Amino acid sequence: MIATDTVARLKASNVRKAFQANDGNEYVALADVSLSVSPHEFVSVIGPSGCGKSTFLRIVAGLDQPNAGKIFVDGRQVSRPGADRGMVFQEYALLPWKTALANVAFGLQIRGIAKEERLSVARQYLALVGLSGFEGHYPHQLSGGMRQRTAVARALANQPSILLMDEPFAAIDALTRKNLQEELSQIGVKEKTTVLFVTHSIEEAVFLSDRVVVLSERPSSVIEEVRIDIPRPRRWDALIGDPAFIKWRDHLLKLLNYTDHVQPGHV
C-alpha cells in the first residue's frame, strides 16, 4: 500500500530547490517533489543523472534547505539535522582516528549516553552487520564493504525514525555490493527499519524496495511510484530470472528512458 498522510513516517510536500548559477541565472534542481514513506517501508528514489536525488535526500536530512515546500518526520517539520534521521553517505564518512566500535558509539556519546551502555549498543549493531571481532579495527584496516557496514551500524545504533542512504554501495565491487544488499534487506526485516534510499541502479532499487519513486529530468518532479510486490526475504540467487523481478526492472527502465524526453507537468 502506498503511504498515506495519516500514517507517514516521512512526508515531503511540494519541495522545490534552486541554485544561483555563476551567470546569475537560476538553476532549478527540484521543481515540485512530493512523497511519503510509511513506517517500516523501504522506498528507493531513482531518476536520470543530475535530477536532484541526492539534493532531495540532503533536504530530508536537514543538511540543506528547500526554497519552497516542507518536510515532516513523524509529524515534526524538518529544519536541521536531527537524531530522528540517520544518514549513510556514498563515502564512508568514518572518523579515521577512531576504531569501528568508537565510530558506531560516537553518535550515542554526543547524545550523552553513558559509556558502558553506548559501547554495549555499538557492539550489538556491529554484530548485526557481521562485524563481531572487528570492534578494535580502525577504518584503514577495514575493507570498503566493512567500512560501509560500520557506517550502517553507526546510523542504526541511534535508532532513527528513518534511515537515509545516498548510494551507499556505489563505490563497492559488484560481488560485495550484492552481499551488502542482501544483508541490508535482512536487517530491514529484522529491525523493521524505515529507509529512504537513493540509487542509480534500477536492479538495486527493485531488489531492496517495497516501493520505487521515479523522478523526471531536472527540474524534477515525481512521475510515477511503483510498488514492488516481490515477497521477502529476497536473495539474488532466487531472483535472477524471476519473472516478477524482470517485470519491474524492465518497467523502470522504460520509465527512465521516457524521462529523457519528458519535462515535469507533461506526463
Protein backbone atom coordinates (compact mmCIF):
# COMPACT_ATOMS: atom_id res chain seq x y z
CA MET A 1 0.00 0.00 0.00
CA ILE A 2 1.35 3.41 -0.90
CA ALA A 3 1.99 5.58 2.13
CA THR A 4 -0.81 7.94 3.17
CA ASP A 5 -0.57 11.21 5.02
CA THR A 6 -2.15 9.81 8.20
CA VAL A 7 0.46 7.07 8.66
CA ALA A 8 3.52 8.67 7.08
CA ARG A 9 6.85 8.38 8.84
CA LEU A 10 8.16 10.86 6.26
CA LYS A 11 6.10 13.37 4.30
CA ALA A 12 7.58 15.70 1.69
CA SER A 13 5.22 18.28 0.21
CA ASN A 14 5.93 20.32 -2.94
CA VAL A 15 9.66 20.55 -2.33
CA ARG A 16 11.47 22.99 -4.61
CA LYS A 17 15.21 23.65 -4.68
CA ALA A 18 17.01 26.15 -6.90
CA PHE A 19 20.61 27.32 -7.03
CA GLN A 20 22.11 30.52 -8.32
CA ALA A 21 24.46 29.89 -11.23
CA ASN A 22 27.65 31.88 -11.84
CA ASP A 23 25.97 33.69 -14.73
CA GLY A 24 23.24 34.89 -12.37
CA ASN A 25 20.56 32.61 -13.76
CA GLU A 26 18.51 30.34 -11.52
CA TYR A 27 19.27 26.63 -11.73
CA VAL A 28 16.25 24.58 -10.61
CA ALA A 29 17.12 21.10 -9.36
CA LEU A 30 13.79 20.12 -7.79
CA ALA A 31 10.67 21.69 -9.22
CA ASP A 32 7.94 20.01 -7.19
CA VAL A 33 8.70 16.79 -5.32
CA SER A 34 6.11 15.23 -3.02
CA LEU A 35 6.25 11.76 -1.50
CA SER A 36 5.50 9.85 1.68
CA VAL A 37 7.16 6.91 3.40
CA SER A 38 5.25 4.69 5.83
CA PRO A 39 6.74 3.17 8.99
CA HIS A 40 8.88 0.09 8.20
CA GLU A 41 8.73 0.81 4.47
CA PHE A 42 11.79 0.71 2.19
CA VAL A 43 11.45 3.34 -0.55
CA SER A 44 14.05 3.97 -3.26
CA VAL A 45 14.33 7.13 -5.33
CA ILE A 46 15.66 6.79 -8.88
CA GLY A 47 15.90 9.17 -11.80
CA PRO A 48 18.21 10.46 -14.54
CA SER A 49 21.70 11.54 -13.56
CA GLY A 50 21.68 15.07 -12.16
CA CYS A 51 17.95 15.14 -11.45
CA GLY A 52 18.43 16.09 -7.78
CA LYS A 53 18.04 12.76 -5.96
CA SER A 54 20.91 13.43 -3.55
CA THR A 55 19.84 17.05 -3.14
CA PHE A 56 16.40 15.87 -2.06
CA LEU A 57 17.92 13.43 0.44
CA ARG A 58 20.09 16.19 1.90
CA ILE A 59 16.97 18.32 2.37
CA VAL A 60 15.24 15.45 4.19
CA ALA A 61 18.36 15.10 6.36
CA GLY A 62 18.24 18.81 7.20
CA LEU A 63 21.68 19.37 5.62
CA ASP A 64 20.17 21.70 3.02
CA GLN A 65 17.05 23.85 2.93
CA PRO A 66 14.35 23.94 0.24
CA ASN A 67 13.28 27.18 -1.43
CA ALA A 68 9.68 26.04 -1.07
CA GLY A 69 7.79 23.10 0.35
CA LYS A 70 8.06 21.26 3.64
CA ILE A 71 9.47 18.02 5.06
CA PHE A 72 7.92 16.29 8.07
CA VAL A 73 9.26 13.29 10.03
CA ASP A 74 6.80 11.80 12.49
CA GLY A 75 4.70 14.94 12.12
CA ARG A 76 7.54 17.34 13.03
CA GLN A 77 8.81 19.76 10.40
CA VAL A 78 12.45 19.30 9.43
CA SER A 79 14.61 22.42 9.61
CA ARG A 80 18.01 20.99 10.57
CA PRO A 81 19.76 17.64 11.14
CA GLY A 82 18.38 15.53 13.96
CA ALA A 83 18.74 12.15 15.66
CA ASP A 84 15.42 11.07 14.13
CA ARG A 85 17.22 10.77 10.76
CA GLY A 86 20.25 8.54 10.29
CA MET A 87 22.37 9.27 7.21
CA VAL A 88 24.63 6.88 5.31
CA PHE A 89 26.69 8.54 2.58
CA GLN A 90 28.37 7.10 -0.51
CA GLU A 91 31.68 7.95 1.14
CA TYR A 92 32.20 6.04 4.35
CA ALA A 93 32.46 9.24 6.46
CA LEU A 94 34.08 7.38 9.36
CA LEU A 95 36.42 9.13 11.78
CA PRO A 96 39.85 7.68 10.86
CA TRP A 97 41.29 8.09 14.36
CA LYS A 98 38.51 6.06 15.99
CA THR A 99 38.01 2.31 16.00
CA ALA A 100 34.94 0.69 14.46
CA LEU A 101 33.43 0.40 17.94
CA ALA A 102 34.15 4.05 18.76
CA ASN A 103 32.77 5.19 15.40
CA VAL A 104 29.49 3.35 15.97
CA ALA A 105 29.29 4.66 19.55
CA PHE A 106 30.09 8.26 18.56
CA GLY A 107 26.52 9.43 17.97
CA LEU A 108 25.44 7.89 21.26
CA GLN A 109 28.30 9.70 23.00
CA ILE A 110 27.13 13.03 21.57
CA ARG A 111 23.65 12.29 22.89
CA GLY A 112 25.08 11.81 26.37
CA ILE A 113 24.58 8.03 26.65
CA ALA A 114 26.74 6.53 29.40
CA LYS A 115 29.94 4.83 28.23
CA GLU A 116 29.04 1.27 29.24
CA GLU A 117 25.62 1.48 27.59
CA ARG A 118 26.83 3.09 24.36
CA LEU A 119 29.63 0.54 23.92
CA SER A 120 27.17 -2.28 24.53
CA VAL A 121 24.79 -0.85 21.90
CA ALA A 122 27.68 -0.32 19.47
CA ARG A 123 28.77 -3.96 19.84
CA GLN A 124 25.18 -5.07 19.24
CA TYR A 125 24.95 -3.20 15.94
CA LEU A 126 28.41 -4.23 14.77
CA ALA A 127 27.27 -7.81 15.33
CA LEU A 128 24.07 -7.08 13.39
CA VAL A 129 26.12 -6.07 10.32
CA GLY A 130 28.50 -9.02 10.66
CA LEU A 131 31.49 -7.24 12.20
CA SER A 132 31.86 -9.00 15.54
CA GLY A 133 35.59 -9.37 16.16
CA PHE A 134 36.46 -6.17 14.30
CA GLU A 135 35.50 -3.73 17.06
CA GLY A 136 39.12 -2.64 17.60
CA HIS A 137 39.98 -2.14 13.94
CA TYR A 138 40.48 1.34 12.52
CA PRO A 139 38.88 2.34 9.18
CA HIS A 140 42.15 1.92 7.25
CA GLN A 141 42.29 -1.69 8.48
CA LEU A 142 38.84 -2.49 7.08
CA SER A 143 37.80 -3.28 3.52
CA GLY A 144 35.44 -0.96 1.67
CA GLY A 145 32.49 -3.22 2.38
CA MET A 146 33.38 -3.45 6.07
CA ARG A 147 33.72 0.32 6.34
CA GLN A 148 30.26 0.75 4.86
CA ARG A 149 28.87 -1.88 7.24
CA THR A 150 30.35 0.18 10.06
CA ALA A 151 28.65 3.31 8.70
CA VAL A 152 25.31 1.48 8.56
CA ALA A 153 25.80 0.21 12.13
CA ARG A 154 26.59 3.74 13.30
CA ALA A 155 23.39 5.08 11.76
CA LEU A 156 21.24 2.26 13.14
CA ALA A 157 22.73 2.49 16.64
CA ASN A 158 20.96 5.81 17.15
CA GLN A 159 17.65 4.10 16.35
CA PRO A 160 16.48 6.82 13.96
CA SER A 161 12.88 7.08 12.82
CA ILE A 162 14.12 6.85 9.23
CA LEU A 163 17.42 5.77 7.68
CA LEU A 164 18.57 7.91 4.73
CA MET A 165 21.01 6.25 2.34
CA ASP A 166 22.70 8.08 -0.54
CA GLU A 167 24.06 5.47 -2.96
CA PRO A 168 25.88 3.74 -0.11
CA PHE A 169 27.14 0.82 -2.21
CA ALA A 170 28.12 2.70 -5.38
CA ALA A 171 31.86 2.61 -4.73
CA ILE A 172 31.96 -1.09 -3.79
CA ASP A 173 32.79 -4.01 -6.10
CA ALA A 174 29.86 -5.88 -7.64
CA LEU A 175 30.08 -9.06 -5.54
CA THR A 176 30.42 -7.22 -2.23
CA ARG A 177 27.62 -4.89 -3.29
CA LYS A 178 25.21 -7.79 -3.80
CA ASN A 179 26.18 -9.25 -0.43
CA LEU A 180 25.56 -5.89 1.26
CA GLN A 181 22.21 -5.54 -0.50
CA GLU A 182 21.13 -8.92 0.86
CA GLU A 183 22.34 -8.01 4.35
CA LEU A 184 20.53 -4.66 4.24
CA SER A 185 17.34 -6.39 3.12
CA GLN A 186 17.60 -8.84 6.03
CA ILE A 187 18.39 -6.05 8.53
CA GLY A 188 15.37 -4.10 7.32
CA VAL A 189 13.09 -7.05 8.03
CA LYS A 190 14.68 -7.85 11.40
CA GLU A 191 14.89 -4.26 12.69
CA LYS A 192 11.68 -3.03 10.97
CA THR A 193 13.73 -0.14 9.65
CA THR A 194 12.18 2.68 7.64
CA VAL A 195 14.50 3.55 4.74
CA LEU A 196 14.67 6.22 2.05
CA PHE A 197 17.33 5.06 -0.41
CA VAL A 198 18.83 6.94 -3.37
CA THR A 199 20.39 4.88 -6.15
CA HIS A 200 21.32 4.97 -9.84
CA SER A 201 20.89 1.20 -10.07
CA ILE A 202 17.45 0.01 -11.16
CA GLU A 203 18.20 -3.60 -10.19
CA GLU A 204 19.29 -2.47 -6.72
CA ALA A 205 16.09 -0.45 -6.34
CA VAL A 206 13.90 -3.41 -7.33
CA PHE A 207 15.80 -5.84 -5.09
CA LEU A 208 15.67 -3.68 -1.97
CA SER A 209 12.44 -1.74 -2.19
CA ASP A 210 8.82 -2.00 -1.23
CA ARG A 211 8.23 0.99 -3.48
CA VAL A 212 10.29 2.91 -6.05
CA VAL A 213 9.74 6.63 -6.67
CA VAL A 214 10.79 7.76 -10.14
CA LEU A 215 11.89 11.36 -10.70
CA SER A 216 11.85 13.16 -14.04
CA GLU A 217 14.73 15.01 -15.61
CA ARG A 218 15.72 18.29 -13.98
CA PRO A 219 13.82 20.30 -12.84
CA SER A 220 12.47 17.22 -11.12
CA SER A 221 9.05 16.06 -10.10
CA VAL A 222 7.67 12.60 -9.33
CA ILE A 223 6.43 10.90 -12.49
CA GLU A 224 5.48 7.52 -11.01
CA GLU A 225 5.54 5.43 -7.83
CA VAL A 226 5.97 1.71 -8.42
CA ARG A 227 5.04 -0.91 -5.83
CA ILE A 228 7.45 -3.89 -5.86
CA ASP A 229 5.30 -6.88 -4.91
CA ILE A 230 8.10 -9.44 -4.52
CA PRO A 231 7.96 -11.45 -1.27
CA ARG A 232 10.65 -11.08 1.38
CA PRO A 233 13.23 -12.18 2.34
CA ARG A 234 14.95 -11.65 -1.02
CA ARG A 235 18.14 -13.25 -2.28
CA TRP A 236 19.88 -12.65 -5.58
CA ASP A 237 20.23 -16.35 -6.41
CA ALA A 238 16.44 -16.70 -6.18
CA LEU A 239 15.61 -13.54 -8.11
CA ILE A 240 17.86 -13.92 -11.14
CA GLY A 241 15.48 -14.82 -13.94
CA ASP A 242 12.42 -14.35 -11.70
CA PRO A 243 9.51 -13.07 -13.86
CA ALA A 244 8.34 -10.51 -11.27
CA PHE A 245 11.84 -9.11 -10.85
CA ILE A 246 12.30 -8.84 -14.61
CA LYS A 247 8.86 -7.21 -15.00
CA TRP A 248 9.57 -4.41 -12.53
CA ARG A 249 13.14 -3.93 -13.72
CA ASP A 250 12.03 -3.55 -17.33
CA HIS A 251 9.14 -1.26 -16.36
CA LEU A 252 11.50 1.09 -14.52
CA LEU A 253 13.98 1.02 -17.40
CA LYS A 254 11.22 2.15 -19.75
CA LEU A 255 10.19 4.90 -17.34
CA LEU A 256 13.73 6.24 -17.14
CA ASN A 257 14.12 6.18 -20.90
CA TYR A 258 10.83 8.05 -21.08
CA THR A 259 12.07 10.78 -18.76
CA ASP A 260 14.76 11.61 -21.33
CA HIS A 261 12.01 13.14 -23.44
CA VAL A 262 9.54 14.38 -20.83
CA GLN A 263 9.51 17.54 -18.78
CA PRO A 264 7.66 17.84 -15.47
CA GLY A 265 4.00 18.64 -15.90
CA HIS A 266 3.79 16.81 -19.24
CA VAL A 267 3.50 13.23 -18.02
